[in-house]
Each structure stands twice: as C-alpha cells, then as structure tokens.
C-alpha cells in the first residue's frame, strides 16, 4: 500500500487468517486498529505503523517508570543486594520493556505479514540477549554485595582472601556460562542460522575437531579456574614463589593469574600452571611465617651471647609477633660456622622486614661488642723450625 490508498476491504478477514494461532485479544486489537485506519484512509501504511509503535513504546516507558517507583518503595527497607540489583537492571529493564512494546506493536499493526515476522524475529533475538544481560548483571551485583562483607586491608585476611578468590572466579565462570547459553538460545530463534549450524556439524566434522583443539587451552584454564575456586591452592593476596620469584597474587581471571613480584613487576601465568606444577604458597593456611636470617661466624664466637642478643633484638622490634625466636648452628665449614636465626612474624612482608632487621643489628653487635664472632683467617706457624744446614740462607758474599 502506498500514498493515500485505502486499506483493503478484506483486511479484517485477513486478520483472522494471519493471527489464527494468536490469542483473541491480539486479533481483536489488530482488527480495531485496521478499522480505525479505514476512518483515516488518507494515512499511508508506514505512518500508521509508526504511530502504533510510538504509542506502544510511550506506554511501555510510562509502565517502566510506574513499576520502578513501586519497586523502589518495596525494596527500600530490604538488604543491599535487592537495592543494588534494582538500580543495575533499571536501564536494562527499560530496554527490555521497549523491545517487548515494539514487538507487540508490530504484531497488532497493519504491517504486511513477511516484514512483520522478520521484525518480530529480530525483536525476539534482542530480547533474549537483554534477558541474559540482566541475569549477568544480577550475578555481578551478588558478587559485589558478597565481597563487601570482607576487608582485604587487614593483616590476618585469610578468610577474606578465601572468599574473594572463590567469588571472583565463580562470578567470571557464571557470566561466561550465562553468555554462552544466552547466545545459543538467541541463535536458535533464527531458523537459517540453526540449520546452518546443524549442517556444519554434520558435513564438516573436521572443522569441529579443529575448533575443539583450538579451544582446548581455554577450556583447560576454565576448568582449572573452577578447581582453584573450590580447592583454593592460591587466593587473592597470597604470598607465593613461582619460577624462582617471590610475589603476591594480585588478580585471578578466568584464564590466567597475575603475580605482583617484590620489585613491582607482574608475572602472568595460566591457571593450569597452579594445577600442574609445584609452587610455594607462604600463606596457604595462615599469614604467619617464620623468618630465617643466616650468619657466618668464627669458631670462637660465643653462641650464648649471640642468642641473647637475638632475643633482645626481637623483643625490642614491633615486627616480631612474640612467638618464636631461636639461634642454632646449622653447619660448619673449613673457615666459619653457619648460624641460623629464626623469628616469627604475622605476615610474609613483615617477616621479610624482620629478617633484614635481624641481619643488620646482629652484624652491628658483632662488629661493636663481639668482634671475636667475626670470621677470621688463621695461619699456622711452626714454633720450633728445624735449623738450616751450614751455609744455607746466606748470601754469596757472606759465605
């Protein structure tokens, strides 16, 4: 239909044929719109469709504002999760309502069947994507609210690190899973794409095998992430030694782990590394550690004085946690004795600082107050040497 042409006389009868499988309310509304259009016969079809769409979209906008005003009052006294979810889905739900309004308006408008069916297919595709977007937003809000219960800034943050690690990994895995399901459901609404996928899997199995091999590293890391979230060999802010480097776990994504090294470098490792290879975790069960400071002393070093000085240093240091302090001779070489100083601290960084303090103050003590403990070189001199033969050791002129 073009220009000011009248709507066909048989349009109302065609409504019953085109919408026979639809609810009678939609059929009756479509018939009323067509009847109204006959009274304004000078309006072109595209303008009638535009007016219907505008009216329904405007009604959807008003419904959205009314519903959200009611929901805000309902969740006003509820917990933070529901208030946060409501604010996060506000714009997404507005888009969803507008899409539903457009789809409904296209259905009841006097648009030709073929373009109407195409538009409704697109609306259904977008509606499924928006629904998945809303669900993913609700999952993200749950993670945000859950993590607010834990403080990562405290020194003894073992419980917080445990929950943060689990929550972030499971959140990313859930969002990925929701995205895959949403896209799959959306594609299933398009017959051509669904048939193409079936044909591709049936006639090109090699492509599927290649795709599976290409996705293997990603799937391996995804499964490793789930294992890490449940078994937790590492957590956020754990002190670890990997590849001979000391650092802390800064971030755990769905495929890799970021280790912040002691000199602020970042080491990026796949999640599967922490499942397949050995590494050291200094804060697996608790953040407390025993620090070690090795000293080389002379054989004549007074161990009692050194042990007493170590105890004095630790008791005077705010870094010591008041638990373990000890000094032991762990080895003897051909020149020196190796002494190990042990002292416990409340966390790995504090233990490192305490070890450095012990080395510095023990060195100063040996230098200033106990010099006999410093390593010395010894030369053995024979006290009664054998007399030289006559004439040996004299210059030629003296013989």
Protein backbone atom coordinates (compact mmCIF):
# COMPACT_ATOMS: atom_id res chain seq x y z
CA UNK A 1 0.00 0.00 0.00
CA UNK A 2 1.35 3.41 -0.88
CA UNK A 3 0.34 7.03 -0.56
CA UNK A 4 -3.28 7.64 0.37
CA UNK A 5 -4.59 4.28 -0.78
CA UNK A 6 -7.39 2.79 1.27
CA UNK A 7 -6.72 -0.31 3.30
CA UNK A 8 -8.02 -3.38 1.52
CA UNK A 9 -11.62 -4.23 2.25
CA UNK A 10 -10.68 -7.79 3.15
CA UNK A 11 -8.08 -6.73 5.68
CA UNK A 12 -10.27 -7.56 8.66
CA UNK A 13 -10.88 -11.05 7.27
CA UNK A 14 -7.15 -11.49 6.66
CA UNK A 15 -6.52 -10.72 10.31
CA UNK A 16 -8.31 -13.88 11.35
CA UNK A 17 -6.25 -15.91 8.88
CA UNK A 18 -2.86 -14.38 9.77
CA UNK A 19 -3.35 -14.45 13.55
CA UNK A 20 -5.39 -17.63 13.92
CA UNK A 21 -2.78 -19.09 16.27
CA UNK A 22 -2.57 -15.96 18.41
CA UNK A 23 -4.70 -15.01 21.45
CA UNK A 24 -8.07 -13.48 20.55
CA UNK A 25 -7.15 -10.26 22.36
CA UNK A 26 -4.32 -9.57 19.88
CA UNK A 27 -6.59 -10.41 16.92
CA UNK A 28 -9.34 -8.11 18.19
CA UNK A 29 -6.89 -5.27 18.82
CA UNK A 30 -5.48 -5.63 15.32
CA UNK A 31 -8.98 -5.57 13.85
CA UNK A 32 -9.77 -2.39 15.78
CA UNK A 33 -6.60 -0.69 14.52
CA UNK A 34 -7.43 -1.61 10.93
CA UNK A 35 -10.99 -0.32 11.39
CA UNK A 36 -9.66 2.93 12.79
CA UNK A 37 -7.26 3.21 9.87
CA UNK A 38 -10.19 2.98 7.44
CA UNK A 39 -11.59 6.14 9.01
CA UNK A 40 -8.28 7.92 8.31
CA UNK A 41 -7.84 6.43 4.85
CA UNK A 42 -5.51 9.22 3.77
CA UNK A 43 -2.74 7.97 6.12
CA UNK A 44 -0.08 5.76 4.47
CA UNK A 45 0.69 2.35 5.93
CA UNK A 46 4.18 3.24 7.15
CA UNK A 47 2.81 6.21 9.11
CA UNK A 48 0.11 4.06 10.73
CA UNK A 49 2.75 1.52 11.77
CA UNK A 50 4.96 4.32 13.13
CA UNK A 51 2.07 5.77 15.14
CA UNK A 52 1.20 2.37 16.62
CA UNK A 53 4.84 1.71 17.54
CA UNK A 54 5.18 5.17 19.12
CA UNK A 55 2.04 4.73 21.20
CA UNK A 56 3.12 1.33 22.50
CA UNK A 57 6.70 2.47 23.21
CA UNK A 58 5.36 5.51 25.08
CA UNK A 59 3.05 3.26 27.08
CA UNK A 60 5.96 0.96 27.86
CA UNK A 61 8.06 3.91 29.03
CA UNK A 62 5.28 5.04 31.37
CA UNK A 63 4.78 1.50 32.68
CA UNK A 64 8.53 1.26 33.32
CA UNK A 65 8.55 4.43 35.41
CA UNK A 66 5.48 3.37 37.40
CA UNK A 67 6.78 -0.13 38.04
CA UNK A 68 10.18 1.16 39.16
CA UNK A 69 8.63 3.67 41.51
CA UNK A 70 6.69 0.83 43.13
CA UNK A 71 9.71 -1.46 43.26
CA UNK A 72 11.86 1.22 44.88
CA UNK A 73 9.37 1.53 47.70
CA UNK A 74 9.19 -2.24 48.04
CA UNK A 75 12.98 -2.73 48.32
CA UNK A 76 13.61 0.44 50.31
CA UNK A 77 13.91 -1.50 53.55
CA UNK A 78 15.37 -4.65 52.01
CA UNK A 79 19.05 -5.60 52.03
CA UNK A 80 21.72 -4.05 49.82
CA UNK A 81 21.55 -6.82 47.23
CA UNK A 82 17.98 -6.14 46.12
CA UNK A 83 18.50 -2.38 46.09
CA UNK A 84 21.68 -2.81 44.03
CA UNK A 85 20.06 -5.24 41.60
CA UNK A 86 17.16 -2.84 41.08
CA UNK A 87 19.49 0.04 40.21
CA UNK A 88 21.65 -2.14 37.95
CA UNK A 89 18.73 -3.50 35.91
CA UNK A 90 16.91 -0.19 35.62
CA UNK A 91 18.21 0.73 32.16
CA UNK A 92 18.33 -2.89 31.02
CA UNK A 93 14.70 -3.47 32.00
CA UNK A 94 13.73 -0.26 30.23
CA UNK A 95 15.32 -1.60 27.05
CA UNK A 96 13.53 -4.93 27.57
CA UNK A 97 10.13 -3.25 28.00
CA UNK A 98 10.70 -1.11 24.91
CA UNK A 99 11.63 -4.20 22.87
CA UNK A 100 8.50 -6.01 24.08
CA UNK A 101 6.42 -2.92 23.26
CA UNK A 102 7.89 -2.72 19.75
CA UNK A 103 7.30 -6.42 19.16
CA UNK A 104 3.71 -6.19 20.39
CA UNK A 105 3.02 -3.06 18.34
CA UNK A 106 4.41 -4.66 15.19
CA UNK A 107 2.21 -7.69 15.83
CA UNK A 108 -1.03 -5.70 16.10
CA UNK A 109 -0.15 -3.11 13.43
CA UNK A 110 -1.39 -3.44 9.84
CA UNK A 111 2.12 -4.28 8.61
CA UNK A 112 2.43 -6.90 5.90
CA UNK A 113 3.00 -10.45 7.24
CA UNK A 114 6.53 -11.03 5.91
CA UNK A 115 8.20 -7.84 7.22
CA UNK A 116 6.20 -8.16 10.45
CA UNK A 117 7.52 -11.68 11.00
CA UNK A 118 11.11 -10.55 10.27
CA UNK A 119 10.89 -7.63 12.70
CA UNK A 120 9.41 -9.85 15.41
CA UNK A 121 12.23 -12.35 14.90
CA UNK A 122 14.81 -9.59 15.42
CA UNK A 123 12.94 -8.34 18.49
CA UNK A 124 12.88 -11.86 19.95
CA UNK A 125 16.63 -12.24 19.29
CA UNK A 126 17.42 -8.94 21.04
CA UNK A 127 15.01 -9.69 23.90
CA UNK A 128 16.84 -12.94 24.74
CA UNK A 129 20.18 -11.11 24.71
CA UNK A 130 18.84 -8.42 27.05
CA UNK A 131 17.44 -11.08 29.41
CA UNK A 132 20.89 -12.71 29.57
CA UNK A 133 22.40 -9.26 30.19
CA UNK A 134 20.02 -8.74 33.12
CA UNK A 135 20.85 -12.12 34.65
CA UNK A 136 24.60 -11.45 34.29
CA UNK A 137 24.11 -8.08 35.99
CA UNK A 138 22.31 -9.76 38.90
CA UNK A 139 25.25 -12.18 39.29
CA UNK A 140 27.74 -9.29 39.28
CA UNK A 141 25.70 -7.45 41.91
CA UNK A 142 25.67 -10.56 44.10
CA UNK A 143 29.47 -10.70 43.87
CA UNK A 144 29.80 -7.00 44.78
CA UNK A 145 27.49 -7.30 47.79
CA UNK A 146 29.13 -10.53 48.97
CA UNK A 147 32.64 -9.05 48.79
CA UNK A 148 31.61 -6.01 50.84
CA UNK A 149 31.48 -8.31 53.88
CA UNK A 150 35.24 -8.89 53.81
CA UNK A 151 38.13 -6.50 54.40
CA UNK A 152 41.27 -7.23 52.40
CA UNK A 153 43.24 -4.48 54.14
CA UNK A 154 43.66 -6.32 57.44
CA UNK A 155 46.87 -8.25 58.01
CA UNK A 156 45.18 -11.51 59.00
CA UNK A 157 42.94 -11.59 55.95
CA UNK A 158 42.90 -15.31 55.28
CA UNK A 159 39.10 -15.63 55.34
CA UNK A 160 38.69 -12.53 53.17
CA UNK A 161 41.17 -13.80 50.59
CA UNK A 162 39.41 -17.15 50.52
CA UNK A 163 36.01 -15.63 49.76
CA UNK A 164 37.34 -13.03 47.33
CA UNK A 165 39.11 -15.71 45.30
CA UNK A 166 36.09 -18.01 45.20
CA UNK A 167 33.68 -15.21 44.39
CA UNK A 168 35.67 -13.65 41.56
CA UNK A 169 36.44 -16.92 39.81
CA UNK A 170 32.89 -18.26 40.12
CA UNK A 171 31.50 -14.88 39.05
CA UNK A 172 33.52 -14.89 35.83
CA UNK A 173 32.69 -18.53 35.14
CA UNK A 174 28.98 -17.86 35.71
CA UNK A 175 28.99 -14.79 33.43
CA UNK A 176 30.72 -16.77 30.67
CA UNK A 177 28.23 -19.63 31.06
CA UNK A 178 25.28 -17.23 31.02
CA UNK A 179 26.68 -15.55 27.90
CA UNK A 180 27.09 -18.85 26.08
CA UNK A 181 23.57 -20.01 26.97
CA UNK A 182 22.08 -16.64 26.02
CA UNK A 183 23.77 -16.52 22.62
CA UNK A 184 22.84 -20.15 21.96
CA UNK A 185 19.17 -19.52 22.77
CA UNK A 186 19.16 -16.35 20.68
CA UNK A 187 20.65 -18.12 17.65
CA UNK A 188 18.11 -20.92 17.96
CA UNK A 189 15.35 -18.41 17.21
CA UNK A 190 16.77 -17.86 13.70
CA UNK A 191 15.95 -20.85 11.55
CA UNK A 192 18.59 -20.19 8.92
CA UNK A 193 21.40 -19.97 11.45
CA UNK A 194 20.15 -23.06 13.30
CA UNK A 195 20.08 -25.10 10.10
CA UNK A 196 23.50 -23.79 9.11
CA UNK A 197 24.91 -24.92 12.44
CA UNK A 198 23.41 -28.39 12.08
CA UNK A 199 24.74 -28.68 8.53
CA UNK A 200 28.18 -27.53 9.60
CA UNK A 201 28.39 -30.12 12.38
CA UNK A 202 27.06 -32.88 10.10
CA UNK A 203 29.14 -32.24 6.98
CA UNK A 204 32.28 -30.62 8.37
CA UNK A 205 33.26 -32.64 11.39
CA UNK A 206 36.90 -31.78 10.78
CA UNK A 207 36.11 -28.14 11.43
CA UNK A 208 34.53 -29.10 14.72
CA UNK A 209 37.61 -31.11 15.69
CA UNK A 210 39.93 -28.21 14.82
CA UNK A 211 37.74 -25.81 16.79
CA UNK A 212 37.78 -28.18 19.74
CA UNK A 213 41.57 -28.40 19.63
CA UNK A 214 41.83 -24.62 19.36
CA UNK A 215 39.58 -24.16 22.38
CA UNK A 216 41.38 -26.79 24.44
CA UNK A 217 43.77 -24.36 26.24
CA UNK A 218 40.87 -22.05 27.07
CA UNK A 219 38.69 -24.89 28.35
CA UNK A 220 41.63 -26.30 30.31
CA UNK A 221 42.16 -22.97 32.06
CA UNK A 222 38.41 -22.57 32.63
CA UNK A 223 38.23 -25.97 34.34
CA UNK A 224 41.42 -25.16 36.27
CA UNK A 225 39.75 -21.95 37.45
CA UNK A 226 36.83 -23.92 38.85
CA UNK A 227 39.29 -26.27 40.59
CA UNK A 228 41.15 -23.30 42.08
CA UNK A 229 37.88 -21.75 43.26
CA UNK A 230 36.88 -24.95 45.06
CA UNK A 231 40.22 -26.38 46.28
CA UNK A 232 41.92 -22.97 46.59
CA UNK A 233 45.64 -23.74 46.25
CA UNK A 234 46.01 -19.97 45.81
CA UNK A 235 43.94 -16.96 46.83
CA UNK A 236 43.99 -13.25 46.19
CA UNK A 237 46.90 -11.63 48.07
CA UNK A 238 48.63 -14.96 48.80
CA UNK A 239 52.43 -14.76 49.10
CA UNK A 240 53.86 -17.28 46.62
CA UNK A 241 57.14 -18.28 44.99
CA UNK A 242 56.78 -19.21 41.34
CA UNK A 243 59.54 -19.64 38.78
CA UNK A 244 62.05 -18.66 41.47
CA UNK A 245 60.35 -15.28 42.06
CA UNK A 246 58.61 -14.07 45.24
CA UNK A 247 55.39 -12.13 44.90
CA UNK A 248 51.72 -11.87 45.82
CA UNK A 249 48.65 -12.96 43.89
CA UNK A 250 47.20 -9.71 42.59
CA UNK A 251 44.43 -10.93 40.27
CA UNK A 252 42.82 -14.20 39.25
CA UNK A 253 40.88 -14.10 35.97
CA UNK A 254 39.02 -16.87 34.17
CA UNK A 255 42.16 -17.90 32.26
CA UNK A 256 45.29 -16.51 33.97
CA UNK A 257 46.77 -15.30 37.25
CA UNK A 258 48.67 -12.04 37.78
CA UNK A 259 51.53 -12.26 40.28
CA UNK A 260 52.85 -8.93 41.60
CA UNK A 261 56.56 -9.50 42.22
CA UNK A 262 58.51 -7.86 45.01
CA UNK A 263 60.01 -5.27 42.61
CA UNK A 264 56.54 -4.37 41.20
CA UNK A 265 56.94 -6.42 38.05
CA UNK A 266 54.00 -8.59 37.01
CA UNK A 267 54.26 -12.26 36.13
CA UNK A 268 51.35 -13.64 34.10
CA UNK A 269 50.72 -17.38 34.45
CA UNK A 270 47.89 -19.55 33.13
CA UNK A 271 45.52 -21.04 35.66
CA UNK A 272 46.60 -24.53 34.67
CA UNK A 273 50.11 -23.73 35.96
CA UNK A 274 48.88 -23.84 39.57
CA UNK A 275 47.23 -27.21 38.99
CA UNK A 276 50.01 -28.93 37.06
CA UNK A 277 53.26 -27.53 38.52
CA UNK A 278 54.62 -27.24 42.07
CA UNK A 279 54.95 -23.82 43.69
CA UNK A 280 55.33 -22.37 47.18
CA UNK A 281 52.41 -20.73 48.96
CA UNK A 282 53.58 -18.95 52.09
CA UNK A 283 50.06 -18.05 53.26
CA UNK A 284 48.08 -21.19 52.48
CA UNK A 285 46.69 -21.81 55.98
CA UNK A 286 47.78 -18.70 57.85
CA UNK A 287 49.58 -15.46 57.15
CA UNK A 288 52.09 -16.05 59.99
CA UNK A 289 55.59 -17.11 58.92
CA UNK A 290 58.94 -17.97 60.47
CA UNK A 291 61.69 -15.80 59.02
CA UNK A 292 65.26 -17.02 58.65
CA UNK A 293 68.48 -14.99 58.79
CA UNK A 294 71.75 -16.81 58.12
CA UNK A 295 75.04 -15.59 59.63
CA UNK A 296 78.63 -16.76 59.19
CA UNK A 297 80.66 -16.50 62.44
CA UNK A 298 84.05 -17.53 63.67
CA UNK A 299 84.66 -20.79 65.54
CA UNK A 300 85.31 -18.82 68.72
CA UNK A 301 82.01 -16.91 68.56
CA UNK A 302 80.16 -17.01 71.92
CA UNK A 303 76.83 -18.58 70.94
CA UNK A 304 75.18 -17.71 74.25
CA UNK A 305 75.83 -14.01 73.75
CA UNK A 306 74.63 -14.15 70.14
CA UNK A 307 71.48 -15.99 71.22
CA UNK A 308 70.79 -13.47 73.95
CA UNK A 309 71.31 -10.59 71.55
CA UNK A 310 68.91 -12.14 69.04
CA UNK A 311 66.24 -12.41 71.73
CA UNK A 312 66.83 -8.80 72.76
CA UNK A 313 66.53 -7.60 69.14
CA UNK A 314 63.27 -9.48 68.59
CA UNK A 315 61.68 -8.36 71.85
CA UNK A 316 62.51 -4.74 71.03
CA UNK A 317 61.16 -4.97 67.47
CA UNK A 318 57.48 -4.24 66.71
CA UNK A 319 57.76 -6.64 63.78
CA UNK A 320 58.10 -9.74 65.99
CA UNK A 321 54.82 -11.43 66.92
CA UNK A 322 56.14 -12.67 70.28
CA UNK A 323 56.05 -16.36 69.42
CA UNK A 324 59.23 -17.97 68.04
CA UNK A 325 62.86 -16.83 68.37
CA UNK A 326 65.86 -19.12 68.25
CA UNK A 327 69.51 -19.33 67.18
CA UNK A 328 71.17 -22.55 66.05
CA UNK A 329 74.44 -23.62 64.44
CA UNK A 330 73.34 -25.38 61.28
CA UNK A 331 76.69 -26.09 59.58
CA UNK A 332 80.47 -25.82 59.96
CA UNK A 333 82.78 -25.24 57.02
CA UNK A 334 86.58 -25.17 56.84
CA UNK A 335 86.57 -21.46 57.76
CA UNK A 336 83.34 -20.45 59.54
CA UNK A 337 80.30 -21.73 61.37
CA UNK A 338 76.88 -21.07 59.84
CA UNK A 339 74.30 -19.80 62.31
CA UNK A 340 70.55 -19.66 61.61
CA UNK A 341 68.43 -17.04 63.36
CA UNK A 342 64.71 -17.84 63.49
CA UNK A 343 61.94 -15.36 64.31
CA UNK A 344 58.22 -15.45 63.57
CA UNK A 345 56.09 -12.61 62.21
CA UNK A 346 52.42 -12.01 61.47
CA UNK A 347 52.72 -11.89 57.66
CA UNK A 348 55.18 -12.51 54.84
CA UNK A 349 56.11 -8.83 54.21
CA UNK A 350 56.61 -8.27 57.94
CA UNK A 351 58.74 -11.42 58.17
CA UNK A 352 60.97 -10.13 55.37
CA UNK A 353 61.49 -6.81 57.14
CA UNK A 354 62.20 -8.62 60.41
CA UNK A 355 64.84 -10.80 58.76
CA UNK A 356 66.58 -7.71 57.38
CA UNK A 357 66.48 -6.02 60.79
CA UNK A 358 67.99 -9.10 62.48
CA UNK A 359 70.87 -9.24 59.98
CA UNK A 360 71.67 -5.55 60.37
CA UNK A 361 71.58 -5.49 64.17
CA UNK A 362 73.41 -8.80 64.63
CA UNK A 363 76.16 -7.54 62.32
CA UNK A 364 76.42 -4.28 64.28
CA UNK A 365 76.54 -6.20 67.56
CA UNK A 366 79.38 -8.46 66.37
CA UNK A 367 81.32 -5.53 64.98
CA UNK A 368 81.00 -3.26 68.03
CA UNK A 369 80.62 -5.54 71.04
CA UNK A 370 81.62 -9.03 70.00
CA UNK A 371 84.44 -8.82 67.44
CA UNK A 372 85.59 -12.37 68.23
CA UNK A 373 82.46 -13.59 66.46
CA UNK A 374 83.54 -12.10 63.14
CA UNK A 375 85.08 -14.60 60.69
CA UNK A 376 88.88 -14.66 60.80
CA UNK A 377 91.59 -16.26 58.66
CA UNK A 378 94.17 -18.33 60.58
CA UNK A 379 97.77 -19.08 59.57
CA UNK A 380 99.55 -21.94 61.33
CA UNK A 381 103.22 -21.07 62.17
CA UNK A 382 105.53 -23.84 63.35
CA UNK A 383 107.06 -22.76 66.70
CA UNK A 384 110.38 -24.82 66.58
CA UNK A 385 111.58 -24.89 63.00
CA UNK A 386 114.47 -27.21 62.08
CA UNK A 387 117.92 -25.45 61.89
CA UNK A 388 119.20 -24.75 58.43
CA UNK A 389 122.29 -26.56 57.15
CA UNK A 390 125.56 -24.64 57.30
CA UNK A 391 125.81 -22.10 54.56
CA UNK A 392 122.05 -22.24 53.68
CA UNK A 393 120.16 -18.99 53.76
CA UNK A 394 123.30 -16.80 53.39
CA UNK A 395 124.10 -14.53 50.51
CA UNK A 396 127.11 -15.50 48.35
CA UNK A 397 129.19 -12.63 49.75
CA UNK A 398 128.57 -13.86 53.31
CA UNK A 399 129.69 -17.45 52.70
